[in-house]
Protein backbone atom coordinates (compact mmCIF):
# COMPACT_ATOMS: atom_id res chain seq x y z
CA MET A 1 -178.95 44.51 -133.37
CA ALA A 2 -178.34 40.90 -134.81
CA ASP A 3 -181.01 38.38 -134.04
CA PHE A 4 -179.77 35.49 -132.09
CA PRO A 5 -182.05 32.40 -132.66
CA ILE A 6 -180.70 30.56 -129.49
CA LYS A 7 -180.95 33.91 -127.51
CA ARG A 8 -184.49 34.12 -128.64
CA ALA A 9 -185.62 30.85 -128.04
CA LEU A 10 -184.19 30.60 -124.55
CA ILE A 11 -186.20 33.81 -123.72
CA GLU A 12 -189.40 32.60 -125.27
CA SER A 13 -188.98 29.05 -123.22
CA ILE A 14 -189.49 30.45 -119.56
CA ASN A 15 -192.62 31.43 -118.27
CA THR A 16 -192.37 34.97 -116.31
CA ASP A 17 -196.14 35.50 -115.96
CA GLY A 18 -196.72 37.21 -112.64
CA ILE A 19 -193.15 37.46 -111.42
CA LEU A 20 -191.97 40.95 -110.58
CA SER A 21 -188.35 41.89 -110.06
CA GLY A 22 -187.32 42.24 -106.17
CA LYS A 23 -183.90 43.77 -105.17
CA ILE A 24 -181.36 44.74 -108.17
CA LEU A 25 -177.62 44.92 -107.02
CA VAL A 26 -175.22 46.06 -109.69
CA GLY A 27 -171.49 45.89 -108.62
CA ALA A 28 -168.22 46.33 -110.67
CA ASN A 29 -167.83 42.56 -111.69
CA LEU A 30 -171.30 40.83 -110.74
CA SER A 31 -175.14 42.01 -111.09
CA LEU A 32 -177.67 40.55 -109.02
CA VAL A 33 -181.47 40.47 -109.67
CA GLN A 34 -184.24 38.79 -107.14
CA GLY A 35 -186.84 37.44 -109.20
CA LYS A 36 -188.55 33.72 -108.84
CA HIS A 37 -184.78 33.18 -107.30
CA TRP A 38 -181.54 35.18 -107.19
CA GLY A 39 -180.13 35.46 -110.59
CA ILE A 40 -176.39 36.32 -111.16
CA SER A 41 -174.63 37.76 -114.13
CA SER A 42 -171.30 39.74 -114.94
CA THR A 43 -171.59 43.04 -115.19
CA LEU A 44 -170.55 44.09 -118.19
CA THR A 45 -169.71 48.21 -119.41
CA GLN A 46 -168.44 49.83 -122.54
CA PRO A 47 -165.70 52.49 -122.33
CA SER A 48 -168.11 55.32 -122.80
CA VAL A 49 -170.01 57.00 -119.83
CA HIS A 50 -172.41 57.98 -122.75
CA THR A 51 -173.72 54.34 -123.76
CA ASN A 52 -173.12 52.89 -120.05
CA TYR A 53 -176.39 53.75 -118.31
CA ILE A 54 -179.67 51.77 -117.88
CA ASP A 55 -183.29 53.17 -118.98
CA GLN A 56 -185.88 53.39 -116.23
CA PRO A 57 -183.50 54.05 -113.35
CA GLY A 58 -185.33 53.83 -109.80
CA GLU A 59 -188.46 51.94 -111.71
CA LEU A 60 -186.53 48.13 -112.33
CA GLU A 61 -187.66 46.81 -109.10
CA ALA A 62 -191.40 45.86 -108.85
CA MET A 63 -191.10 45.59 -112.77
CA PRO A 64 -192.61 42.60 -114.56
CA ILE A 65 -189.29 40.35 -114.83
CA GLY A 66 -190.23 39.44 -118.27
CA GLU A 67 -189.69 43.15 -119.25
CA LEU A 68 -186.33 43.18 -117.19
CA ILE A 69 -185.22 39.98 -119.18
CA ARG A 70 -185.56 41.55 -122.70
CA LYS A 71 -183.43 44.03 -121.37
CA LEU A 72 -180.96 41.09 -122.70
CA ASN A 73 -181.42 42.64 -126.25
CA SER A 74 -180.07 46.09 -125.14
CA GLU A 75 -176.96 47.11 -127.12
CA ARG A 76 -175.71 49.14 -123.75
CA LEU A 77 -173.98 45.78 -121.87
CA LEU A 78 -174.86 47.41 -118.70
CA GLU A 79 -178.28 47.01 -119.16
CA ALA A 80 -177.94 43.71 -120.92
CA SER A 81 -175.84 42.49 -117.84
CA LEU A 82 -178.81 43.18 -115.71
CA GLY A 83 -181.11 41.37 -118.47
CA MET A 84 -178.87 38.34 -118.02
CA ALA A 85 -179.20 37.98 -114.33
CA ALA A 86 -183.13 38.51 -114.44
CA PHE A 87 -183.25 35.63 -117.18
CA ASN A 88 -180.98 33.61 -114.60
CA SER A 89 -183.40 34.59 -111.60
CA VAL A 90 -186.61 32.50 -113.37
CA ILE A 91 -184.55 29.61 -114.20
CA ASP A 92 -185.78 26.49 -112.28
CA LEU A 93 -182.82 24.34 -111.11
CA PRO A 94 -183.70 20.69 -109.84
CA GLY A 95 -184.39 20.55 -106.30
CA THR A 96 -181.31 18.41 -105.91
CA PHE A 97 -178.55 18.25 -108.59
CA ASP A 98 -174.82 17.53 -108.68
CA VAL A 99 -172.05 19.71 -109.45
CA ALA A 100 -170.25 18.06 -112.16
CA ASP A 101 -166.72 18.93 -113.82
CA ALA A 102 -167.94 21.14 -116.70
CA TYR A 103 -165.20 19.50 -118.77
CA VAL A 104 -166.27 16.28 -118.24
CA GLU A 105 -170.18 17.09 -119.19
CA ILE A 106 -169.18 18.96 -122.27
CA GLU A 107 -166.64 15.86 -123.12
CA LYS A 108 -169.90 13.33 -123.44
CA HIS A 109 -170.83 15.17 -126.34
CA ALA A 110 -167.73 16.98 -128.19
CA HIS A 111 -165.56 14.20 -129.79
CA ASN A 112 -165.43 15.12 -133.43
CA LYS A 113 -168.20 17.84 -133.46
CA ASN A 114 -167.66 21.69 -134.28
CA VAL A 115 -167.81 23.05 -130.74
CA ALA A 116 -168.45 26.81 -130.24
CA VAL A 117 -167.40 28.14 -126.70
CA ILE A 118 -168.17 31.59 -125.60
CA GLY A 119 -165.64 32.65 -123.07
CA HIS A 120 -162.10 30.85 -122.69
CA PHE A 121 -162.73 28.43 -120.22
CA PRO A 122 -159.47 27.10 -118.78
CA PHE A 123 -160.36 23.57 -120.50
CA VAL A 124 -159.98 24.68 -124.04
CA ASP A 125 -156.90 23.18 -124.41
CA ARG A 126 -158.01 19.80 -123.70
CA LEU A 127 -161.47 20.43 -125.75
CA ASN A 128 -159.35 21.49 -128.75
CA LYS A 129 -157.94 17.65 -128.86
CA ILE A 130 -161.10 15.80 -128.82
CA ALA A 131 -163.46 18.33 -131.33
CA LYS A 132 -163.51 18.56 -134.80
CA ASN A 133 -163.32 22.26 -134.35
CA CYS A 134 -163.21 24.30 -130.97
CA TRP A 135 -163.98 27.67 -131.90
CA VAL A 136 -163.48 30.01 -128.69
CA PHE A 137 -165.29 33.63 -128.74
CA GLU A 138 -164.01 36.23 -126.54
CA ARG A 139 -163.75 40.26 -126.04
CA LYS A 140 -160.30 39.84 -124.68
CA LEU A 141 -158.33 37.56 -126.83
CA ARG A 142 -155.87 34.97 -126.04
CA ASP A 143 -153.62 32.78 -128.43
CA GLY A 144 -155.99 31.21 -130.95
CA ASP A 145 -159.63 33.05 -129.51
CA ILE A 146 -161.75 34.34 -132.50
CA PRO A 147 -163.33 37.90 -131.79
CA SER A 148 -166.89 37.68 -130.31
CA GLU A 149 -168.32 39.82 -133.27
CA LYS A 150 -167.52 36.96 -135.39
CA MET A 151 -169.68 34.69 -133.54
CA PRO A 152 -172.62 35.25 -136.32
CA GLU A 153 -170.34 33.54 -138.59
CA PHE A 154 -169.25 30.23 -136.78
CA ILE A 155 -172.33 29.62 -134.31
CA PRO A 156 -174.82 28.58 -137.29
CA GLN A 157 -171.89 25.76 -138.15
CA ALA A 158 -171.80 24.50 -134.26
CA ASP A 159 -173.00 21.12 -133.45
CA ILE A 160 -172.49 22.21 -129.83
CA LEU A 161 -172.53 25.64 -128.20
CA VAL A 162 -171.08 25.89 -124.54
CA LEU A 163 -171.45 29.23 -122.51
CA THR A 164 -171.88 30.30 -119.10
CA ALA A 165 -174.26 33.18 -117.47
CA GLN A 166 -172.31 33.13 -113.95
CA VAL A 167 -174.62 30.15 -113.04
CA ILE A 168 -174.05 26.60 -112.26
CA PRO A 169 -174.70 24.40 -113.62
CA ILE A 170 -172.75 24.92 -117.43
CA ILE A 171 -175.31 24.88 -119.91
CA VAL A 172 -174.55 22.66 -122.88
CA PHE A 173 -176.65 22.67 -125.97
CA THR A 174 -176.48 20.21 -128.75
CA ILE A 175 -177.80 22.19 -131.93
């Protein structure tokens, strides 16, 4: 499996000491993990039933949350979905925050920059007009999108990486 330094840095940036997973719910579209808070992610699956499973079924509740988060590195998308929800369950958001228009927040940083966007957000056309380059990575391609397999080729060139993990707020990284 490819090493993604940003993903590794995100995982290493959180303190999971003493946090155990609670309830885990896997639905057709969304997965939820109870950790320090509730975390949510898209439920991603693969076409083959032989690669669509989770190791340790029945043992995930009460597992150290850090162990569940490491499933983000799984090649099985269903398992990685649980890892993402677990990661989201330990993110501390400020006690109060304003829900902002994602485009407005991204626009503040994107002028004449190389912007990598994971997922075809509705505002991509507007972002294309102000960014030096706007690379949109998708699994289900639309006109102008780049297959997600090519991310390792483009992301190192990005000044800004935009992604979502089914949480508010949208995360904007300036590299």
